[in-house]
């Protein structure tokens, strides 16, 4: 690890595990009380966020993660995900800003921000181009993502 700050080391460990598609190690970085949000998955608790990462790692056969920037205390990061969106076979390069809060040496709050319209154009093609700007379309994508996560959790 490159820094002495334990929070920064934890975030570096988290993204290193993500890059290796090691969802078990990613889960070890989270506090049992964690809450996670991003534009596709909202208000996930510990079990759901761990399952989400496991699902994304499993589906992301060509997933490549870059930790582009990390602040000195580990509470803010910029990272880039390169992958093929499994539902459409389309290539995605998604730049994400993350914010973290910590409790007892683990991540207790994780919020990822990204441009949903830009992501939807890449991942979904024409439907994303035509409707990705719409809050109703985003809610539809969120509902589909939650359904997919629920099905993944049922199978695993």
Protein backbone atom coordinates (compact mmCIF):
# COMPACT_ATOMS: atom_id res chain seq x y z
CA UNK A 1 0.00 0.00 0.00
CA UNK A 2 1.22 3.43 -0.86
CA UNK A 3 0.10 5.47 2.13
CA UNK A 4 0.08 5.41 5.91
CA UNK A 5 -3.56 6.54 6.16
CA UNK A 6 -5.64 3.44 7.06
CA UNK A 7 -8.77 4.70 5.25
CA UNK A 8 -6.79 5.34 2.09
CA UNK A 9 -5.20 1.89 2.38
CA UNK A 10 -8.66 0.34 2.77
CA UNK A 11 -9.93 2.05 -0.40
CA UNK A 12 -6.81 0.99 -2.32
CA UNK A 13 -7.42 -2.57 -1.11
CA UNK A 14 -11.08 -2.36 -2.15
CA UNK A 15 -10.30 -1.26 -5.73
CA UNK A 16 -7.42 -3.70 -6.02
CA UNK A 17 -9.84 -6.50 -5.11
CA UNK A 18 -12.39 -5.12 -7.57
CA UNK A 19 -9.78 -5.10 -10.32
CA UNK A 20 -9.03 -8.74 -9.51
CA UNK A 21 -12.80 -9.45 -9.52
CA UNK A 22 -12.51 -10.65 -5.91
CA UNK A 23 -15.90 -9.85 -4.41
CA UNK A 24 -15.09 -11.72 -1.18
CA UNK A 25 -12.18 -9.36 -0.46
CA UNK A 26 -14.33 -6.36 -1.42
CA UNK A 27 -16.97 -7.46 1.12
CA UNK A 28 -14.29 -7.55 3.83
CA UNK A 29 -13.83 -3.81 3.34
CA UNK A 30 -17.43 -3.05 4.34
CA UNK A 31 -18.87 -2.52 7.81
CA UNK A 32 -22.00 -4.63 8.54
CA UNK A 33 -24.00 -1.34 8.75
CA UNK A 34 -22.90 -0.15 5.29
CA UNK A 35 -25.27 1.71 2.98
CA UNK A 36 -24.53 1.98 -0.75
CA UNK A 37 -26.04 4.12 -3.50
CA UNK A 38 -25.31 4.78 -7.14
CA UNK A 39 -27.50 5.81 -10.11
CA UNK A 40 -28.46 2.18 -10.85
CA UNK A 41 -28.60 0.63 -7.35
CA UNK A 42 -30.12 2.61 -4.50
CA UNK A 43 -30.14 2.10 -0.74
CA UNK A 44 -28.34 -1.23 -0.63
CA UNK A 45 -27.50 -2.78 2.73
CA UNK A 46 -24.53 -5.04 3.47
CA UNK A 47 -25.95 -8.23 1.97
CA UNK A 48 -27.19 -6.51 -1.17
CA UNK A 49 -24.06 -4.46 -1.82
CA UNK A 50 -21.85 -7.53 -1.37
CA UNK A 51 -24.12 -9.49 -3.73
CA UNK A 52 -24.06 -6.61 -6.23
CA UNK A 53 -20.25 -6.64 -6.38
CA UNK A 54 -20.25 -10.46 -6.65
CA UNK A 55 -22.73 -10.24 -9.53
CA UNK A 56 -20.75 -7.53 -11.32
CA UNK A 57 -17.47 -9.40 -10.82
CA UNK A 58 -18.99 -12.61 -12.13
CA UNK A 59 -20.52 -10.95 -15.20
CA UNK A 60 -17.53 -8.70 -15.89
CA UNK A 61 -15.40 -11.18 -17.83
CA UNK A 62 -13.40 -8.33 -19.40
CA UNK A 63 -13.76 -5.91 -16.48
CA UNK A 64 -10.84 -3.55 -15.97
CA UNK A 65 -10.77 -1.09 -13.05
CA UNK A 66 -8.57 1.99 -12.76
CA UNK A 67 -8.32 3.92 -9.52
CA UNK A 68 -7.61 7.27 -11.14
CA UNK A 69 -7.54 9.51 -8.06
CA UNK A 70 -7.79 9.09 -4.30
CA UNK A 71 -7.70 11.90 -1.77
CA UNK A 72 -5.29 11.88 1.16
CA UNK A 73 -7.77 10.53 3.71
CA UNK A 74 -9.49 8.02 1.43
CA UNK A 75 -12.93 9.64 1.58
CA UNK A 76 -13.12 10.59 -2.13
CA UNK A 77 -12.02 8.66 -5.18
CA UNK A 78 -12.37 8.76 -8.91
CA UNK A 79 -12.33 5.44 -10.67
CA UNK A 80 -12.98 4.16 -14.17
CA UNK A 81 -14.67 0.90 -15.10
CA UNK A 82 -14.03 -0.60 -18.55
CA UNK A 83 -16.31 -3.54 -19.40
CA UNK A 84 -18.80 -5.08 -21.78
CA UNK A 85 -22.37 -4.58 -20.57
CA UNK A 86 -23.65 -8.16 -20.32
CA UNK A 87 -27.24 -7.43 -21.37
CA UNK A 88 -26.35 -5.76 -24.67
CA UNK A 89 -22.74 -6.74 -25.42
CA UNK A 90 -21.85 -3.04 -25.71
CA UNK A 91 -18.51 -1.64 -24.47
CA UNK A 92 -18.68 0.82 -21.59
CA UNK A 93 -16.08 3.19 -20.14
CA UNK A 94 -17.68 4.67 -17.04
CA UNK A 95 -15.97 7.36 -14.95
CA UNK A 96 -17.24 7.30 -11.40
CA UNK A 97 -16.78 9.63 -8.44
CA UNK A 98 -17.01 7.87 -5.09
CA UNK A 99 -17.45 9.14 -1.56
CA UNK A 100 -16.80 7.08 1.54
CA UNK A 101 -17.42 7.27 5.26
CA UNK A 102 -15.74 4.95 7.72
CA UNK A 103 -16.62 3.24 10.98
CA UNK A 104 -14.39 0.90 12.99
CA UNK A 105 -11.84 0.81 10.17
CA UNK A 106 -14.34 -0.24 7.49
CA UNK A 107 -16.53 1.47 4.87
CA UNK A 108 -19.92 2.33 6.38
CA UNK A 109 -21.20 4.63 3.61
CA UNK A 110 -20.36 4.34 -0.09
CA UNK A 111 -21.89 6.58 -2.73
CA UNK A 112 -20.90 6.32 -6.39
CA UNK A 113 -21.83 9.12 -8.79
CA UNK A 114 -21.73 8.87 -12.56
CA UNK A 115 -23.44 10.49 -15.53
CA UNK A 116 -26.40 8.14 -16.03
CA UNK A 117 -27.23 9.53 -19.47
CA UNK A 118 -23.67 9.01 -20.69
CA UNK A 119 -23.63 5.49 -19.23
CA UNK A 120 -27.02 4.59 -20.72
CA UNK A 121 -25.95 5.72 -24.22
CA UNK A 122 -22.90 3.45 -24.00
CA UNK A 123 -24.53 0.45 -22.31
CA UNK A 124 -27.97 0.50 -23.90
CA UNK A 125 -27.40 2.13 -27.29
CA UNK A 126 -30.39 3.73 -28.98
CA UNK A 127 -32.82 3.34 -26.03
CA UNK A 128 -30.24 5.04 -23.78
CA UNK A 129 -29.69 7.80 -26.34
CA UNK A 130 -33.41 8.47 -26.69
CA UNK A 131 -34.54 8.00 -23.09
CA UNK A 132 -31.46 7.99 -20.83
CA UNK A 133 -32.00 11.61 -19.81
CA UNK A 134 -35.43 10.74 -18.33
CA UNK A 135 -35.95 10.15 -14.61
CA UNK A 136 -38.66 7.62 -15.50
CA UNK A 137 -36.17 5.69 -17.65
CA UNK A 138 -33.61 5.77 -14.83
CA UNK A 139 -36.21 4.40 -12.40
CA UNK A 140 -36.99 1.63 -14.91
CA UNK A 141 -33.28 0.74 -15.11
CA UNK A 142 -33.07 0.80 -11.29
CA UNK A 143 -36.06 -1.57 -11.02
CA UNK A 144 -34.49 -3.93 -13.58
CA UNK A 145 -31.13 -3.78 -11.77
CA UNK A 146 -32.77 -4.57 -8.42
CA UNK A 147 -34.70 -7.44 -9.99
CA UNK A 148 -31.47 -8.82 -11.49
CA UNK A 149 -29.75 -8.51 -8.11
CA UNK A 150 -32.64 -10.28 -6.36
CA UNK A 151 -32.49 -13.11 -8.89
CA UNK A 152 -28.70 -13.37 -8.46
CA UNK A 153 -29.09 -13.52 -4.67
CA UNK A 154 -31.76 -16.23 -4.99
CA UNK A 155 -29.46 -18.37 -7.16
CA UNK A 156 -26.43 -17.87 -4.91
